[in-house]
C-alpha atoms as a PDB file:
ATOM      1  CA  UNK A   1     142.212 -25.457 -10.908  1.00  0.00           C
ATOM      2  CA  UNK A   2     142.994 -22.618  -8.482  1.00  0.00           C
ATOM      3  CA  UNK A   3     145.875 -22.548  -6.126  1.00  0.00           C
ATOM      4  CA  UNK A   4     145.679 -21.137  -2.636  1.00  0.00           C
ATOM      5  CA  UNK A   5     149.066 -20.219  -0.658  1.00  0.00           C
ATOM      6  CA  UNK A   6     148.586 -19.335   3.005  1.00  0.00           C
ATOM      7  CA  UNK A   7     150.698 -16.351   3.737  1.00  0.00           C
ATOM      8  CA  UNK A   8     149.880 -16.140   7.101  1.00  0.00           C
ATOM      9  CA  UNK A   9     152.495 -17.300  10.011  1.00  0.00           C
ATOM     10  CA  UNK A  10     151.481 -19.251  12.430  1.00  0.00           C
ATOM     11  CA  UNK A  11     150.889 -17.733  15.866  1.00  0.00           C
ATOM     12  CA  UNK A  12     152.844 -19.678  18.587  1.00  0.00           C
ATOM     13  CA  UNK A  13     153.875 -19.240  22.166  1.00  0.00           C
ATOM     14  CA  UNK A  14     157.581 -17.514  22.089  1.00  0.00           C
ATOM     15  CA  UNK A  15     156.775 -16.515  18.665  1.00  0.00           C
ATOM     16  CA  UNK A  16     158.003 -13.607  16.993  1.00  0.00           C
ATOM     17  CA  UNK A  17     157.151 -10.058  17.996  1.00  0.00           C
ATOM     18  CA  UNK A  18     158.171  -6.540  16.965  1.00  0.00           C
ATOM     19  CA  UNK A  19     160.655  -5.582  20.201  1.00  0.00           C
ATOM     20  CA  UNK A  20     158.503  -3.986  23.090  1.00  0.00           C
ATOM     21  CA  UNK A  21     154.965  -5.848  21.591  1.00  0.00           C
ATOM     22  CA  UNK A  22     153.345  -7.589  23.987  1.00  0.00           C
ATOM     23  CA  UNK A  23     155.063 -11.204  23.910  1.00  0.00           C
ATOM     24  CA  UNK A  24     152.537 -14.262  22.861  1.00  0.00           C
ATOM     25  CA  UNK A  25     151.405 -17.298  25.493  1.00  0.00           C
ATOM     26  CA  UNK A  26     149.009 -19.342  24.622  1.00  0.00           C
ATOM     27  CA  UNK A  27     148.443 -22.163  27.133  1.00  0.00           C
ATOM     28  CA  UNK A  28     145.596 -24.484  28.587  1.00  0.00           C
ATOM     29  CA  UNK A  29     143.240 -23.175  30.817  1.00  0.00           C
ATOM     30  CA  UNK A  30     140.970 -26.589  30.812  1.00  0.00           C
ATOM     31  CA  UNK A  31     143.098 -29.839  29.684  1.00  0.00           C
ATOM     32  CA  UNK A  32     141.344 -32.778  29.175  1.00  0.00           C
ATOM     33  CA  UNK A  33     144.567 -34.672  30.176  1.00  0.00           C
ATOM     34  CA  UNK A  34     143.810 -33.076  33.945  1.00  0.00           C
ATOM     35  CA  UNK A  35     140.126 -34.512  33.800  1.00  0.00           C
ATOM     36  CA  UNK A  36     138.189 -31.981  31.832  1.00  0.00           C
ATOM     37  CA  UNK A  37     135.149 -32.438  29.505  1.00  0.00           C
ATOM     38  CA  UNK A  38     137.169 -30.520  27.139  1.00  0.00           C
ATOM     39  CA  UNK A  39     140.447 -28.326  25.980  1.00  0.00           C
ATOM     40  CA  UNK A  40     140.519 -24.858  26.143  1.00  0.00           C
ATOM     41  CA  UNK A  41     143.206 -22.365  26.082  1.00  0.00           C
ATOM     42  CA  UNK A  42     144.410 -19.049  26.996  1.00  0.00           C
ATOM     43  CA  UNK A  43     145.626 -16.715  24.670  1.00  0.00           C
ATOM     44  CA  UNK A  44     147.764 -13.708  25.019  1.00  0.00           C
ATOM     45  CA  UNK A  45     149.440 -11.213  22.450  1.00  0.00           C
ATOM     46  CA  UNK A  46     149.337  -8.248  21.208  1.00  0.00           C
ATOM     47  CA  UNK A  47     146.990  -6.364  18.448  1.00  0.00           C
ATOM     48  CA  UNK A  48     149.961  -6.242  16.095  1.00  0.00           C
ATOM     49  CA  UNK A  49     151.012 -10.171  16.424  1.00  0.00           C
ATOM     50  CA  UNK A  50     152.141 -12.335  13.880  1.00  0.00           C
ATOM     51  CA  UNK A  51     149.908 -11.166  10.429  1.00  0.00           C
ATOM     52  CA  UNK A  52     147.903  -8.505  11.252  1.00  0.00           C
ATOM     53  CA  UNK A  53     146.043  -5.224   9.539  1.00  0.00           C
ATOM     54  CA  UNK A  54     147.258  -1.931  10.450  1.00  0.00           C
ATOM     55  CA  UNK A  55     144.073   0.263  10.930  1.00  0.00           C
ATOM     56  CA  UNK A  56     144.428   3.896  10.953  1.00  0.00           C
ATOM     57  CA  UNK A  57     143.602   3.981  14.464  1.00  0.00           C
ATOM     58  CA  UNK A  58     147.363   2.419  15.069  1.00  0.00           C
ATOM     59  CA  UNK A  59     148.659   6.443  14.685  1.00  0.00           C
ATOM     60  CA  UNK A  60     145.486   8.014  15.354  1.00  0.00           C
ATOM     61  CA  UNK A  61     143.147   8.526  17.950  1.00  0.00           C
ATOM     62  CA  UNK A  62     139.887   9.332  15.979  1.00  0.00           C
ATOM     63  CA  UNK A  63     140.650   7.144  12.796  1.00  0.00           C
ATOM     64  CA  UNK A  64     138.977   3.739  11.914  1.00  0.00           C
ATOM     65  CA  UNK A  65     139.021   1.006  13.944  1.00  0.00           C
ATOM     66  CA  UNK A  66     140.239  -2.391  12.184  1.00  0.00           C
ATOM     67  CA  UNK A  67     136.691  -3.742  12.647  1.00  0.00           C
ATOM     68  CA  UNK A  68     135.375  -0.711  10.218  1.00  0.00           C
ATOM     69  CA  UNK A  69     137.872  -1.134   7.690  1.00  0.00           C
ATOM     70  CA  UNK A  70     135.613  -1.996   4.434  1.00  0.00           C
ATOM     71  CA  UNK A  71     135.575  -6.055   3.078  1.00  0.00           C
ATOM     72  CA  UNK A  72     136.257  -4.469  -0.111  1.00  0.00           C
ATOM     73  CA  UNK A  73     139.424  -3.551   0.916  1.00  0.00           C
ATOM     74  CA  UNK A  74     140.539  -6.764   2.239  1.00  0.00           C
ATOM     75  CA  UNK A  75     139.368  -9.093  -0.703  1.00  0.00           C
ATOM     76  CA  UNK A  76     140.048  -8.687  -4.120  1.00  0.00           C
ATOM     77  CA  UNK A  77     142.617  -8.728  -6.758  1.00  0.00           C
ATOM     78  CA  UNK A  78     146.585  -7.787  -5.456  1.00  0.00           C
ATOM     79  CA  UNK A  79     149.792  -7.471  -7.612  1.00  0.00           C
ATOM     80  CA  UNK A  80     152.812  -9.358  -5.730  1.00  0.00           C
ATOM     81  CA  UNK A  81     156.168  -7.396  -6.301  1.00  0.00           C
ATOM     82  CA  UNK A  82     159.013  -8.855  -6.011  1.00  0.00           C
ATOM     83  CA  UNK A  83     162.393  -6.843  -5.029  1.00  0.00           C
ATOM     84  CA  UNK A  84     165.988  -8.147  -4.979  1.00  0.00           C
ATOM     85  CA  UNK A  85     167.616  -8.818  -1.583  1.00  0.00           C
ATOM     86  CA  UNK A  86     169.861  -5.986  -2.379  1.00  0.00           C
ATOM     87  CA  UNK A  87     167.346  -3.408  -1.994  1.00  0.00           C
ATOM     88  CA  UNK A  88     166.711  -2.366   1.792  1.00  0.00           C
ATOM     89  CA  UNK A  89     164.323   0.744   0.986  1.00  0.00           C
ATOM     90  CA  UNK A  90     161.804   0.397  -1.560  1.00  0.00           C
ATOM     91  CA  UNK A  91     160.959   4.052  -2.367  1.00  0.00           C
ATOM     92  CA  UNK A  92     159.432   6.070  -5.173  1.00  0.00           C
ATOM     93  CA  UNK A  93     162.543   5.300  -7.104  1.00  0.00           C
ATOM     94  CA  UNK A  94     161.686   1.362  -7.070  1.00  0.00           C
ATOM     95  CA  UNK A  95     158.277   1.840  -7.370  1.00  0.00           C
ATOM     96  CA  UNK A  96     158.042   3.631 -10.360  1.00  0.00           C
ATOM     97  CA  UNK A  97     159.991   0.953 -12.765  1.00  0.00           C
ATOM     98  CA  UNK A  98     156.685  -1.127 -11.834  1.00  0.00           C
ATOM     99  CA  UNK A  99     153.573  -0.909 -13.632  1.00  0.00           C
ATOM    100  CA  UNK A 100     151.638  -0.686 -10.223  1.00  0.00           C
ATOM    101  CA  UNK A 101     148.508   1.616 -12.240  1.00  0.00           C
ATOM    102  CA  UNK A 102     144.767   0.013 -12.087  1.00  0.00           C
ATOM    103  CA  UNK A 103     146.439  -2.229  -8.564  1.00  0.00           C
ATOM    104  CA  UNK A 104     144.281  -1.257  -5.424  1.00  0.00           C
ATOM    105  CA  UNK A 105     146.660  -3.917  -3.315  1.00  0.00           C
ATOM    106  CA  UNK A 106     150.122  -3.655  -3.747  1.00  0.00           C
ATOM    107  CA  UNK A 107     151.687  -6.647  -1.574  1.00  0.00           C
ATOM    108  CA  UNK A 108     155.829  -6.676  -1.678  1.00  0.00           C
ATOM    109  CA  UNK A 109     157.683  -9.383  -1.342  1.00  0.00           C
ATOM    110  CA  UNK A 110     161.423  -9.214  -0.547  1.00  0.00           C
ATOM    111  CA  UNK A 111     164.560 -10.352   1.538  1.00  0.00           C
ATOM    112  CA  UNK A 112     161.865 -10.822   5.002  1.00  0.00           C
ATOM    113  CA  UNK A 113     160.489 -13.712   4.326  1.00  0.00           C
ATOM    114  CA  UNK A 114     163.151 -15.344   5.133  1.00  0.00           C
ATOM    115  CA  UNK A 115     163.125 -13.693   8.516  1.00  0.00           C
ATOM    116  CA  UNK A 116     159.943 -14.736   9.734  1.00  0.00           C
ATOM    117  CA  UNK A 117     160.823 -18.301  10.796  1.00  0.00           C
ATOM    118  CA  UNK A 118     163.692 -16.825  13.146  1.00  0.00           C
ATOM    119  CA  UNK A 119     163.371 -16.607  16.744  1.00  0.00           C
ATOM    120  CA  UNK A 120     165.516 -13.336  16.917  1.00  0.00           C
ATOM    121  CA  UNK A 121     164.353 -10.508  15.220  1.00  0.00           C
ATOM    122  CA  UNK A 122     165.866  -8.942  12.487  1.00  0.00           C
ATOM    123  CA  UNK A 123     166.501  -5.209  12.821  1.00  0.00           C
ATOM    124  CA  UNK A 124     167.561  -4.258   9.363  1.00  0.00           C
ATOM    125  CA  UNK A 125     165.406  -5.320   7.473  1.00  0.00           C
ATOM    126  CA  UNK A 126     163.790  -3.911   4.257  1.00  0.00           C
ATOM    127  CA  UNK A 127     160.985  -1.279   4.496  1.00  0.00           C
ATOM    128  CA  UNK A 128     158.921   1.032   2.563  1.00  0.00           C
ATOM    129  CA  UNK A 129     160.296   4.306   2.572  1.00  0.00           C
ATOM    130  CA  UNK A 130     157.763   7.577   3.086  1.00  0.00           C
ATOM    131  CA  UNK A 131     158.409   8.596  -0.275  1.00  0.00           C
ATOM    132  CA  UNK A 132     157.196   5.111  -1.683  1.00  0.00           C
ATOM    133  CA  UNK A 133     153.829   5.472   0.587  1.00  0.00           C
ATOM    134  CA  UNK A 134     153.100   8.232  -0.776  1.00  0.00           C
ATOM    135  CA  UNK A 135     153.831   7.340  -4.481  1.00  0.00           C
ATOM    136  CA  UNK A 136     151.008   4.164  -3.776  1.00  0.00           C
ATOM    137  CA  UNK A 137     148.816   6.500  -2.220  1.00  0.00           C
ATOM    138  CA  UNK A 138     149.048   9.048  -5.736  1.00  0.00           C
ATOM    139  CA  UNK A 139     148.277   5.680  -7.354  1.00  0.00           C
ATOM    140  CA  UNK A 140     145.380   4.689  -6.192  1.00  0.00           C
ATOM    141  CA  UNK A 141     146.615   2.170  -3.918  1.00  0.00           C
ATOM    142  CA  UNK A 142     144.249   0.728  -1.000  1.00  0.00           C
ATOM    143  CA  UNK A 143     145.888  -1.645   0.400  1.00  0.00           C
ATOM    144  CA  UNK A 144     149.898  -2.337   1.306  1.00  0.00           C
ATOM    145  CA  UNK A 145     151.508  -5.321   2.254  1.00  0.00           C
ATOM    146  CA  UNK A 146     154.820  -6.585   3.217  1.00  0.00           C
ATOM    147  CA  UNK A 147     157.122  -9.587   4.661  1.00  0.00           C
ATOM    148  CA  UNK A 148     157.916  -8.334   8.094  1.00  0.00           C
ATOM    149  CA  UNK A 149     156.112  -7.056  11.347  1.00  0.00           C
ATOM    150  CA  UNK A 150     156.333  -3.832  10.125  1.00  0.00           C
ATOM    151  CA  UNK A 151     156.495  -1.475   6.860  1.00  0.00           C
ATOM    152  CA  UNK A 152     158.466   1.197   8.987  1.00  0.00           C
ATOM    153  CA  UNK A 153     162.201   1.243   8.981  1.00  0.00           C
ATOM    154  CA  UNK A 154     163.598  -0.097  12.546  1.00  0.00           C
ATOM    155  CA  UNK A 155     162.792   2.772  15.512  1.00  0.00           C
ATOM    156  CA  UNK A 156     162.273   5.336  12.466  1.00  0.00           C
ATOM    157  CA  UNK A 157     160.932   7.866  15.260  1.00  0.00           C
ATOM    158  CA  UNK A 158     159.051   9.755  12.640  1.00  0.00           C
ATOM    159  CA  UNK A 159     156.436   6.795  11.680  1.00  0.00           C
ATOM    160  CA  UNK A 160     155.980   9.044   8.247  1.00  0.00           C
ATOM    161  CA  UNK A 161     155.340   5.966   6.279  1.00  0.00           C
ATOM    162  CA  UNK A 162     152.494   4.628   8.658  1.00  0.00           C
ATOM    163  CA  UNK A 163     151.027   7.986   9.085  1.00  0.00           C
ATOM    164  CA  UNK A 164     151.563   9.099   5.170  1.00  0.00           C
ATOM    165  CA  UNK A 165     149.379   5.500   4.288  1.00  0.00           C
ATOM    166  CA  UNK A 166     146.814   5.074   7.949  1.00  0.00           C
ATOM    167  CA  UNK A 167     146.130   8.941   7.103  1.00  0.00           C
ATOM    168  CA  UNK A 168     145.063   8.345   3.749  1.00  0.00           C
ATOM    169  CA  UNK A 169     142.701   5.004   5.645  1.00  0.00           C
ATOM    170  CA  UNK A 170     145.377   2.865   2.989  1.00  0.00           C
ATOM    171  CA  UNK A 171     144.914  -0.999   5.077  1.00  0.00           C
ATOM    172  CA  UNK A 172     148.760  -2.012   5.918  1.00  0.00           C
ATOM    173  CA  UNK A 173     148.956  -5.618   6.323  1.00  0.00           C
ATOM    174  CA  UNK A 174     152.295  -6.719   8.244  1.00  0.00           C
ATOM    175  CA  UNK A 175     153.713 -10.146   8.795  1.00  0.00           C
ATOM    176  CA  UNK A 176     152.759 -11.498   5.641  1.00  0.00           C
ATOM    177  CA  UNK A 177     154.817 -14.799   4.322  1.00  0.00           C
ATOM    178  CA  UNK A 178     155.802 -13.927   0.943  1.00  0.00           C
ATOM    179  CA  UNK A 179     158.278 -16.610   0.543  1.00  0.00           C
ATOM    180  CA  UNK A 180     156.578 -19.302  -2.029  1.00  0.00           C
ATOM    181  CA  UNK A 181     154.259 -17.100  -4.484  1.00  0.00           C
ATOM    182  CA  UNK A 182     155.689 -15.692  -7.947  1.00  0.00           C
ATOM    183  CA  UNK A 183     155.328 -12.356  -8.474  1.00  0.00           C
ATOM    184  CA  UNK A 184     152.414 -11.873 -10.244  1.00  0.00           C
ATOM    185  CA  UNK A 185     148.491 -11.186 -10.053  1.00  0.00           C
ATOM    186  CA  UNK A 186     146.342 -12.560  -7.280  1.00  0.00           C
ATOM    187  CA  UNK A 187     143.140 -12.761  -5.433  1.00  0.00           C
ATOM    188  CA  UNK A 188     143.832 -11.167  -2.108  1.00  0.00           C
ATOM    189  CA  UNK A 189     141.954 -12.628   1.293  1.00  0.00           C
ATOM    190  CA  UNK A 190     143.175 -10.429   4.171  1.00  0.00           C
ATOM    191  CA  UNK A 191     140.320 -11.387   7.218  1.00  0.00           C
ATOM    192  CA  UNK A 192     141.546  -9.460  11.052  1.00  0.00           C
ATOM    193  CA  UNK A 193     139.721 -10.644  13.440  1.00  0.00           C
ATOM    194  CA  UNK A 194     136.589  -8.012  14.224  1.00  0.00           C
ATOM    195  CA  UNK A 195     138.294  -6.772  17.655  1.00  0.00           C
ATOM    196  CA  UNK A 196     135.399  -3.648  18.092  1.00  0.00           C
ATOM    197  CA  UNK A 197     137.428  -0.022  18.245  1.00  0.00           C
ATOM    198  CA  UNK A 198     140.990  -1.503  18.107  1.00  0.00           C
ATOM    199  CA  UNK A 199     144.180  -0.061  15.940  1.00  0.00           C
ATOM    200  CA  UNK A 200     144.635  -3.348  14.211  1.00  0.00           C
ATOM    201  CA  UNK A 201     144.101  -7.195  14.667  1.00  0.00           C
ATOM    202  CA  UNK A 202     145.865 -10.447  13.555  1.00  0.00           C
ATOM    203  CA  UNK A 203     144.546 -11.714   9.989  1.00  0.00           C
ATOM    204  CA  UNK A 204     144.443 -15.183   8.344  1.00  0.00           C
ATOM    205  CA  UNK A 205     145.743 -14.468   4.692  1.00  0.00           C
ATOM    206  CA  UNK A 206     145.490 -16.133   1.492  1.00  0.00           C
ATOM    207  CA  UNK A 207     146.631 -16.167  -2.083  1.00  0.00           C
ATOM    208  CA  UNK A 208     144.584 -17.540  -4.467  1.00  0.00           C
ATOM    209  CA  UNK A 209     146.170 -18.035  -8.385  1.00  0.00           C
END
């Protein structure tokens, strides 16, 4: 039988967000306990909350919005790569050591997965370097997933990793919890909310072995 790994993180009030992004707030707007006929919640958070997909519109006003990302890019075979805890930056040199040819979806498992459950944001997370992003594009990668809230070095100032990938409509999935699944090949499913015209959206993501 297949094993399904839920690699998305819970979205909860006060949960972890990238510094400067909207805080998460979920509260009951109607409550059975207060006499209402049903429980109905008010939900407030940013488009890049928790496990989420970045669309090209995240950095380009005329870029593809999240609701126009082809489902074929979000569903299909994926290769999960793991990197040692002393790897702080994943660049071309690190990726050349792996056989990624023929894999359209690449997921990067790093020390970051352990940070996702912390309340405080960790600024020195492992990131994908711009030359690593270019190397993935040159090898035909259409989607890249990472295990923290940004694929880019914290406060890089240039956003070259994002721009390199999104300019080519490569989908970025951030905030994946990759702590449990072992490296290898999987079927990947990631379905961001269909927010019309938006720059990104939270998603439920799974790996199937």
